[in-house]
């Protein structure tokens, strides 16, 4: 039996956007007169903290030169979001297999949803840039940003999405790229496919149904990393049905 809904994380899962986020953070810091620069290793460590405002607050706790209150953090994050959405609007490429699987799901009447810690404007900017201006209409539920009190690895965002879809966890499949994402989706009981991103390749994906280099394309099969899918080439609804049935 095919899954009734596919639930996607955004950053690193739909597209490799984390470098754009890092660039936007650094540009926002410079505009605000802060002498901060998050290089790639620093940003990789900060990704363990879910959420942009939370990431800034965490960095503040170890920075000795700056003190910001909650309002200033929110303003700084808003400036970063404006810069990020401008960068994404210049062009965003989805990861291999994402557009294909989304199109297959839409044609088959399988619901689509988003479960992410990133803010709603970031989600909207990416989807519209990559899939067109009507992309938002394809998603029955978009759970983003601060709609829940606790961000990933808490399962709250997935419970939020499941409630609004009016579906059980077993009816759905989640797609993630990080250990925090896997813990969140699995905490809600949802079978989870992982396609690690450039910043999450070394994460622990225990509990994932399958770990793959990407979702695969007809002429460019994915590379199997762990779990289900060793004998397949790309993720389709039929393939997902078979993997889930074998759980």
C-alpha atoms as a PDB file:
ATOM      1  CA  UNK A   1       0.000   0.000   0.000  1.00  0.00           C
ATOM      2  CA  UNK A   2       1.374   3.394  -1.005  1.00  0.00           C
ATOM      3  CA  UNK A   3       2.066   5.990   1.699  1.00  0.00           C
ATOM      4  CA  UNK A   4      -0.735   8.500   2.124  1.00  0.00           C
ATOM      5  CA  UNK A   5       1.601  11.451   2.677  1.00  0.00           C
ATOM      6  CA  UNK A   6       5.232  12.418   2.168  1.00  0.00           C
ATOM      7  CA  UNK A   7       6.664  14.868   4.690  1.00  0.00           C
ATOM      8  CA  UNK A   8       9.833  16.751   3.777  1.00  0.00           C
ATOM      9  CA  UNK A   9      12.383  18.610   5.805  1.00  0.00           C
ATOM     10  CA  UNK A  10      13.722  21.614   3.872  1.00  0.00           C
ATOM     11  CA  UNK A  11      17.333  22.702   4.343  1.00  0.00           C
ATOM     12  CA  UNK A  12      19.710  20.003   3.167  1.00  0.00           C
ATOM     13  CA  UNK A  13      16.818  17.709   2.213  1.00  0.00           C
ATOM     14  CA  UNK A  14      14.937  19.484  -0.557  1.00  0.00           C
ATOM     15  CA  UNK A  15      18.030  21.454  -1.562  1.00  0.00           C
ATOM     16  CA  UNK A  16      21.595  22.064  -0.399  1.00  0.00           C
ATOM     17  CA  UNK A  17      20.804  25.446   1.106  1.00  0.00           C
ATOM     18  CA  UNK A  18      23.006  25.519   4.194  1.00  0.00           C
ATOM     19  CA  UNK A  19      25.825  27.391   2.455  1.00  0.00           C
ATOM     20  CA  UNK A  20      23.324  30.083   1.462  1.00  0.00           C
ATOM     21  CA  UNK A  21      22.177  30.274   5.072  1.00  0.00           C
ATOM     22  CA  UNK A  22      25.783  30.632   6.231  1.00  0.00           C
ATOM     23  CA  UNK A  23      26.405  33.388   3.690  1.00  0.00           C
ATOM     24  CA  UNK A  24      23.228  35.184   4.768  1.00  0.00           C
ATOM     25  CA  UNK A  25      24.176  34.978   8.446  1.00  0.00           C
ATOM     26  CA  UNK A  26      27.627  36.426   7.763  1.00  0.00           C
ATOM     27  CA  UNK A  27      26.256  39.232   5.603  1.00  0.00           C
ATOM     28  CA  UNK A  28      23.686  40.096   8.277  1.00  0.00           C
ATOM     29  CA  UNK A  29      26.425  40.148  10.914  1.00  0.00           C
ATOM     30  CA  UNK A  30      28.555  42.495   8.794  1.00  0.00           C
ATOM     31  CA  UNK A  31      25.629  44.827   8.107  1.00  0.00           C
ATOM     32  CA  UNK A  32      24.903  44.970  11.845  1.00  0.00           C
ATOM     33  CA  UNK A  33      28.521  45.889  12.564  1.00  0.00           C
ATOM     34  CA  UNK A  34      29.330  42.595  14.261  1.00  0.00           C
ATOM     35  CA  UNK A  35      32.823  41.198  13.818  1.00  0.00           C
ATOM     36  CA  UNK A  36      31.512  37.657  13.561  1.00  0.00           C
ATOM     37  CA  UNK A  37      32.227  35.281  10.722  1.00  0.00           C
ATOM     38  CA  UNK A  38      30.930  31.728  10.753  1.00  0.00           C
ATOM     39  CA  UNK A  39      33.320  29.608   8.722  1.00  0.00           C
ATOM     40  CA  UNK A  40      32.243  26.157   7.526  1.00  0.00           C
ATOM     41  CA  UNK A  41      33.548  24.184  10.547  1.00  0.00           C
ATOM     42  CA  UNK A  42      31.935  26.653  12.960  1.00  0.00           C
ATOM     43  CA  UNK A  43      28.641  26.494  11.103  1.00  0.00           C
ATOM     44  CA  UNK A  44      28.729  22.709  11.089  1.00  0.00           C
ATOM     45  CA  UNK A  45      28.936  22.730  14.887  1.00  0.00           C
ATOM     46  CA  UNK A  46      26.190  25.337  15.149  1.00  0.00           C
ATOM     47  CA  UNK A  47      23.843  23.203  13.060  1.00  0.00           C
ATOM     48  CA  UNK A  48      23.491  20.959  16.096  1.00  0.00           C
ATOM     49  CA  UNK A  49      21.352  23.823  17.441  1.00  0.00           C
ATOM     50  CA  UNK A  50      18.036  23.859  15.577  1.00  0.00           C
ATOM     51  CA  UNK A  51      16.636  27.218  14.491  1.00  0.00           C
ATOM     52  CA  UNK A  52      18.299  30.444  13.378  1.00  0.00           C
ATOM     53  CA  UNK A  53      17.438  32.580  16.403  1.00  0.00           C
ATOM     54  CA  UNK A  54      18.444  29.736  18.681  1.00  0.00           C
ATOM     55  CA  UNK A  55      21.744  29.406  16.795  1.00  0.00           C
ATOM     56  CA  UNK A  56      22.523  33.098  17.293  1.00  0.00           C
ATOM     57  CA  UNK A  57      21.638  32.893  20.989  1.00  0.00           C
ATOM     58  CA  UNK A  58      23.864  29.842  21.401  1.00  0.00           C
ATOM     59  CA  UNK A  59      26.774  31.626  19.731  1.00  0.00           C
ATOM     60  CA  UNK A  60      26.228  34.649  21.960  1.00  0.00           C
ATOM     61  CA  UNK A  61      26.747  32.444  24.985  1.00  0.00           C
ATOM     62  CA  UNK A  62      30.309  31.731  23.872  1.00  0.00           C
ATOM     63  CA  UNK A  63      31.107  35.093  22.257  1.00  0.00           C
ATOM     64  CA  UNK A  64      32.847  37.488  24.615  1.00  0.00           C
ATOM     65  CA  UNK A  65      32.539  40.718  22.642  1.00  0.00           C
ATOM     66  CA  UNK A  66      28.771  41.152  22.153  1.00  0.00           C
ATOM     67  CA  UNK A  67      25.606  41.127  24.218  1.00  0.00           C
ATOM     68  CA  UNK A  68      22.207  41.129  22.534  1.00  0.00           C
ATOM     69  CA  UNK A  69      18.745  40.923  24.048  1.00  0.00           C
ATOM     70  CA  UNK A  70      15.914  38.824  22.627  1.00  0.00           C
ATOM     71  CA  UNK A  71      14.595  41.685  20.506  1.00  0.00           C
ATOM     72  CA  UNK A  72      17.989  42.368  18.988  1.00  0.00           C
ATOM     73  CA  UNK A  73      18.443  38.673  18.228  1.00  0.00           C
ATOM     74  CA  UNK A  74      15.057  38.639  16.486  1.00  0.00           C
ATOM     75  CA  UNK A  75      15.992  41.734  14.445  1.00  0.00           C
ATOM     76  CA  UNK A  76      19.331  40.218  13.454  1.00  0.00           C
ATOM     77  CA  UNK A  77      17.643  36.982  12.427  1.00  0.00           C
ATOM     78  CA  UNK A  78      15.032  38.892  10.431  1.00  0.00           C
ATOM     79  CA  UNK A  79      17.822  40.661   8.535  1.00  0.00           C
ATOM     80  CA  UNK A  80      19.452  37.312   7.854  1.00  0.00           C
ATOM     81  CA  UNK A  81      16.134  35.913   6.580  1.00  0.00           C
ATOM     82  CA  UNK A  82      15.699  38.841   4.184  1.00  0.00           C
ATOM     83  CA  UNK A  83      19.175  38.258   2.799  1.00  0.00           C
ATOM     84  CA  UNK A  84      18.633  34.499   2.494  1.00  0.00           C
ATOM     85  CA  UNK A  85      15.341  34.848   0.614  1.00  0.00           C
ATOM     86  CA  UNK A  86      17.043  37.266  -1.790  1.00  0.00           C
ATOM     87  CA  UNK A  87      19.855  34.770  -2.401  1.00  0.00           C
ATOM     88  CA  UNK A  88      17.441  31.874  -2.969  1.00  0.00           C
ATOM     89  CA  UNK A  89      15.369  33.952  -5.383  1.00  0.00           C
ATOM     90  CA  UNK A  90      18.424  34.167  -7.637  1.00  0.00           C
ATOM     91  CA  UNK A  91      18.077  30.442  -8.246  1.00  0.00           C
ATOM     92  CA  UNK A  92      17.794  27.241  -6.233  1.00  0.00           C
ATOM     93  CA  UNK A  93      18.327  23.683  -7.407  1.00  0.00           C
ATOM     94  CA  UNK A  94      16.514  20.823  -5.725  1.00  0.00           C
ATOM     95  CA  UNK A  95      18.518  17.729  -4.872  1.00  0.00           C
ATOM     96  CA  UNK A  96      18.359  14.802  -7.330  1.00  0.00           C
ATOM     97  CA  UNK A  97      15.030  13.010  -7.312  1.00  0.00           C
ATOM     98  CA  UNK A  98      13.132  15.555  -5.242  1.00  0.00           C
ATOM     99  CA  UNK A  99      11.156  17.215  -8.047  1.00  0.00           C
ATOM    100  CA  UNK A 100      10.494  13.827  -9.647  1.00  0.00           C
ATOM    101  CA  UNK A 101       9.111  12.280  -6.439  1.00  0.00           C
ATOM    102  CA  UNK A 102       7.017  15.360  -5.671  1.00  0.00           C
ATOM    103  CA  UNK A 103       5.517  15.223  -9.171  1.00  0.00           C
ATOM    104  CA  UNK A 104       4.803  11.495  -8.820  1.00  0.00           C
ATOM    105  CA  UNK A 105       3.107  12.051  -5.464  1.00  0.00           C
ATOM    106  CA  UNK A 106       0.938  14.850  -6.822  1.00  0.00           C
ATOM    107  CA  UNK A 107      -0.128  12.741  -9.799  1.00  0.00           C
ATOM    108  CA  UNK A 108      -1.013   9.843  -7.491  1.00  0.00           C
ATOM    109  CA  UNK A 109      -2.973  11.963  -5.020  1.00  0.00           C
ATOM    110  CA  UNK A 110      -0.438  11.450  -2.239  1.00  0.00           C
ATOM    111  CA  UNK A 111      -0.405  14.409   0.147  1.00  0.00           C
ATOM    112  CA  UNK A 112       2.730  16.513   0.550  1.00  0.00           C
ATOM    113  CA  UNK A 113       3.806  18.348   3.682  1.00  0.00           C
ATOM    114  CA  UNK A 114       6.743  20.238   5.167  1.00  0.00           C
ATOM    115  CA  UNK A 115       8.212  19.792   8.650  1.00  0.00           C
ATOM    116  CA  UNK A 116      11.115  22.152   9.267  1.00  0.00           C
ATOM    117  CA  UNK A 117      12.723  24.396  11.850  1.00  0.00           C
ATOM    118  CA  UNK A 118      13.459  27.102   9.300  1.00  0.00           C
ATOM    119  CA  UNK A 119      11.154  30.111   9.055  1.00  0.00           C
ATOM    120  CA  UNK A 120       8.145  30.222   6.734  1.00  0.00           C
ATOM    121  CA  UNK A 121       9.588  32.960   4.457  1.00  0.00           C
ATOM    122  CA  UNK A 122      12.630  30.737   3.860  1.00  0.00           C
ATOM    123  CA  UNK A 123      10.396  27.804   2.913  1.00  0.00           C
ATOM    124  CA  UNK A 124       8.265  29.913   0.602  1.00  0.00           C
ATOM    125  CA  UNK A 125      11.317  31.430  -1.100  1.00  0.00           C
ATOM    126  CA  UNK A 126      12.910  28.054  -1.791  1.00  0.00           C
ATOM    127  CA  UNK A 127       9.751  26.306  -3.004  1.00  0.00           C
ATOM    128  CA  UNK A 128       8.763  29.139  -5.325  1.00  0.00           C
ATOM    129  CA  UNK A 129      12.292  29.543  -6.712  1.00  0.00           C
ATOM    130  CA  UNK A 130      12.721  25.823  -7.349  1.00  0.00           C
ATOM    131  CA  UNK A 131       9.200  24.674  -8.243  1.00  0.00           C
ATOM    132  CA  UNK A 132       7.419  27.788  -9.469  1.00  0.00           C
ATOM    133  CA  UNK A 133       5.051  30.382  -8.047  1.00  0.00           C
ATOM    134  CA  UNK A 134       2.266  27.852  -7.448  1.00  0.00           C
ATOM    135  CA  UNK A 135       4.518  25.460  -5.498  1.00  0.00           C
ATOM    136  CA  UNK A 136       2.950  26.273  -2.144  1.00  0.00           C
ATOM    137  CA  UNK A 137      -0.395  24.975  -3.387  1.00  0.00           C
ATOM    138  CA  UNK A 138       1.130  21.496  -3.690  1.00  0.00           C
ATOM    139  CA  UNK A 139       1.667  21.178   0.062  1.00  0.00           C
ATOM    140  CA  UNK A 140      -1.297  20.352   2.268  1.00  0.00           C
ATOM    141  CA  UNK A 141       0.540  21.402   5.439  1.00  0.00           C
ATOM    142  CA  UNK A 142       3.631  23.534   5.978  1.00  0.00           C
ATOM    143  CA  UNK A 143       4.951  23.223   9.516  1.00  0.00           C
ATOM    144  CA  UNK A 144       7.731  25.789   9.775  1.00  0.00           C
ATOM    145  CA  UNK A 145       9.607  27.990  12.209  1.00  0.00           C
ATOM    146  CA  UNK A 146       8.038  28.726  15.552  1.00  0.00           C
ATOM    147  CA  UNK A 147       4.658  27.009  15.098  1.00  0.00           C
ATOM    148  CA  UNK A 148       5.654  24.613  17.894  1.00  0.00           C
ATOM    149  CA  UNK A 149       7.404  25.291  21.168  1.00  0.00           C
ATOM    150  CA  UNK A 150      10.334  22.891  20.762  1.00  0.00           C
ATOM    151  CA  UNK A 151      12.333  22.423  17.594  1.00  0.00           C
ATOM    152  CA  UNK A 152      14.008  19.295  16.266  1.00  0.00           C
ATOM    153  CA  UNK A 153      15.104  16.821  17.628  1.00  0.00           C
ATOM    154  CA  UNK A 154      11.792  17.204  19.480  1.00  0.00           C
ATOM    155  CA  UNK A 155       9.017  15.426  17.539  1.00  0.00           C
ATOM    156  CA  UNK A 156       6.622  18.342  18.073  1.00  0.00           C
ATOM    157  CA  UNK A 157       6.818  19.623  14.486  1.00  0.00           C
ATOM    158  CA  UNK A 158       5.936  16.179  13.133  1.00  0.00           C
ATOM    159  CA  UNK A 159       3.058  15.794  15.582  1.00  0.00           C
ATOM    160  CA  UNK A 160       1.851  19.214  14.394  1.00  0.00           C
ATOM    161  CA  UNK A 161       1.940  18.107  10.758  1.00  0.00           C
ATOM    162  CA  UNK A 162       0.312  14.731  11.446  1.00  0.00           C
ATOM    163  CA  UNK A 163      -2.524  16.384  13.353  1.00  0.00           C
ATOM    164  CA  UNK A 164      -3.244  18.762  10.488  1.00  0.00           C
ATOM    165  CA  UNK A 165      -3.027  16.015   7.910  1.00  0.00           C
ATOM    166  CA  UNK A 166      -5.354  13.923  10.111  1.00  0.00           C
ATOM    167  CA  UNK A 167      -3.136  10.904   9.459  1.00  0.00           C
ATOM    168  CA  UNK A 168      -1.361   8.303  11.537  1.00  0.00           C
ATOM    169  CA  UNK A 169       2.428   8.150  11.522  1.00  0.00           C
ATOM    170  CA  UNK A 170       2.352   4.759   9.784  1.00  0.00           C
ATOM    171  CA  UNK A 171       0.535   6.335   6.822  1.00  0.00           C
ATOM    172  CA  UNK A 172       3.433   8.699   6.118  1.00  0.00           C
ATOM    173  CA  UNK A 173       7.094   8.768   5.141  1.00  0.00           C
ATOM    174  CA  UNK A 174       9.475  11.494   6.291  1.00  0.00           C
ATOM    175  CA  UNK A 175      12.539  12.733   4.416  1.00  0.00           C
ATOM    176  CA  UNK A 176      15.415  14.185   6.406  1.00  0.00           C
ATOM    177  CA  UNK A 177      19.133  14.927   6.128  1.00  0.00           C
ATOM    178  CA  UNK A 178      20.342  15.136   9.748  1.00  0.00           C
ATOM    179  CA  UNK A 179      20.423  13.197  12.988  1.00  0.00           C
ATOM    180  CA  UNK A 180      18.220  15.830  14.636  1.00  0.00           C
ATOM    181  CA  UNK A 181      15.701  15.345  11.840  1.00  0.00           C
ATOM    182  CA  UNK A 182      15.724  11.565  12.155  1.00  0.00           C
ATOM    183  CA  UNK A 183      15.228  11.771  15.911  1.00  0.00           C
ATOM    184  CA  UNK A 184      12.333  14.174  15.397  1.00  0.00           C
ATOM    185  CA  UNK A 185      10.536  12.104  12.760  1.00  0.00           C
ATOM    186  CA  UNK A 186      11.174   8.785  14.476  1.00  0.00           C
ATOM    187  CA  UNK A 187      10.063  10.287  17.773  1.00  0.00           C
ATOM    188  CA  UNK A 188       6.702  10.806  16.091  1.00  0.00           C
ATOM    189  CA  UNK A 189       6.761   7.218  14.803  1.00  0.00           C
ATOM    190  CA  UNK A 190       7.233   8.058  11.118  1.00  0.00           C
ATOM    191  CA  UNK A 191       9.394   5.864   8.844  1.00  0.00           C
ATOM    192  CA  UNK A 192      12.258   8.081   7.707  1.00  0.00           C
ATOM    193  CA  UNK A 193      14.432   8.241   4.596  1.00  0.00           C
ATOM    194  CA  UNK A 194      17.719  10.108   4.998  1.00  0.00           C
ATOM    195  CA  UNK A 195      19.720  11.831   2.273  1.00  0.00           C
ATOM    196  CA  UNK A 196      22.687  13.358   4.128  1.00  0.00           C
ATOM    197  CA  UNK A 197      23.737  16.863   3.158  1.00  0.00           C
ATOM    198  CA  UNK A 198      27.192  18.396   2.930  1.00  0.00           C
ATOM    199  CA  UNK A 199      27.089  19.370   6.595  1.00  0.00           C
ATOM    200  CA  UNK A 200      25.506  16.169   7.923  1.00  0.00           C
ATOM    201  CA  UNK A 201      27.377  13.325   6.230  1.00  0.00           C
ATOM    202  CA  UNK A 202      28.963  12.288   9.516  1.00  0.00           C
ATOM    203  CA  UNK A 203      25.743  12.280  11.555  1.00  0.00           C
ATOM    204  CA  UNK A 204      24.311   9.244  13.315  1.00  0.00           C
ATOM    205  CA  UNK A 205      21.210   8.115  11.427  1.00  0.00           C
ATOM    206  CA  UNK A 206      20.194   5.293  13.752  1.00  0.00           C
ATOM    207  CA  UNK A 207      16.530   4.441  13.286  1.00  0.00           C
ATOM    208  CA  UNK A 208      16.322   5.546   9.649  1.00  0.00           C
ATOM    209  CA  UNK A 209      14.563   3.231   7.217  1.00  0.00           C
ATOM    210  CA  UNK A 210      17.146   3.995   4.528  1.00  0.00           C
ATOM    211  CA  UNK A 211      20.186   6.240   4.133  1.00  0.00           C
ATOM    212  CA  UNK A 212      20.886   7.235   0.522  1.00  0.00           C
ATOM    213  CA  UNK A 213      23.094   9.742  -1.273  1.00  0.00           C
ATOM    214  CA  UNK A 214      19.940  11.287  -2.790  1.00  0.00           C
ATOM    215  CA  UNK A 215      16.553  10.141  -4.076  1.00  0.00           C
ATOM    216  CA  UNK A 216      17.941   9.098  -7.451  1.00  0.00           C
ATOM    217  CA  UNK A 217      17.052   9.790 -11.076  1.00  0.00           C
ATOM    218  CA  UNK A 218      16.446   7.360 -13.977  1.00  0.00           C
ATOM    219  CA  UNK A 219      19.868   8.047 -15.472  1.00  0.00           C
ATOM    220  CA  UNK A 220      21.630   8.749 -12.173  1.00  0.00           C
ATOM    221  CA  UNK A 221      20.854   6.180  -9.464  1.00  0.00           C
ATOM    222  CA  UNK A 222      21.400   6.990  -5.829  1.00  0.00           C
ATOM    223  CA  UNK A 223      24.290   5.555  -3.845  1.00  0.00           C
ATOM    224  CA  UNK A 224      23.038   3.238  -1.113  1.00  0.00           C
ATOM    225  CA  UNK A 225      24.572   4.006   2.293  1.00  0.00           C
ATOM    226  CA  UNK A 226      22.560   2.005   4.839  1.00  0.00           C
ATOM    227  CA  UNK A 227      19.210   0.338   5.490  1.00  0.00           C
ATOM    228  CA  UNK A 228      16.644  -0.459   2.826  1.00  0.00           C
ATOM    229  CA  UNK A 229      17.214   0.121  -0.852  1.00  0.00           C
ATOM    230  CA  UNK A 230      20.448  -1.716  -1.595  1.00  0.00           C
ATOM    231  CA  UNK A 231      18.917  -3.284  -4.714  1.00  0.00           C
ATOM    232  CA  UNK A 232      17.033  -0.221  -5.966  1.00  0.00           C
ATOM    233  CA  UNK A 233      18.140   2.801  -7.987  1.00  0.00           C
ATOM    234  CA  UNK A 234      15.728   5.596  -7.112  1.00  0.00           C
ATOM    235  CA  UNK A 235      12.977   6.329  -4.629  1.00  0.00           C
ATOM    236  CA  UNK A 236       9.452   6.007  -6.026  1.00  0.00           C
ATOM    237  CA  UNK A 237       6.075   5.464  -4.401  1.00  0.00           C
ATOM    238  CA  UNK A 238       6.196   1.763  -5.278  1.00  0.00           C
ATOM    239  CA  UNK A 239       9.682   1.443  -3.809  1.00  0.00           C
ATOM    240  CA  UNK A 240       8.591   3.201  -0.619  1.00  0.00           C
ATOM    241  CA  UNK A 241       5.601   0.863  -0.348  1.00  0.00           C
ATOM    242  CA  UNK A 242       7.873  -2.152  -0.588  1.00  0.00           C
ATOM    243  CA  UNK A 243      10.338  -0.830   1.984  1.00  0.00           C
ATOM    244  CA  UNK A 244       7.575   0.009   4.449  1.00  0.00           C
ATOM    245  CA  UNK A 245       5.916  -3.387   4.003  1.00  0.00           C
ATOM    246  CA  UNK A 246       9.184  -5.043   4.974  1.00  0.00           C
ATOM    247  CA  UNK A 247       9.468  -3.184   8.301  1.00  0.00           C
END
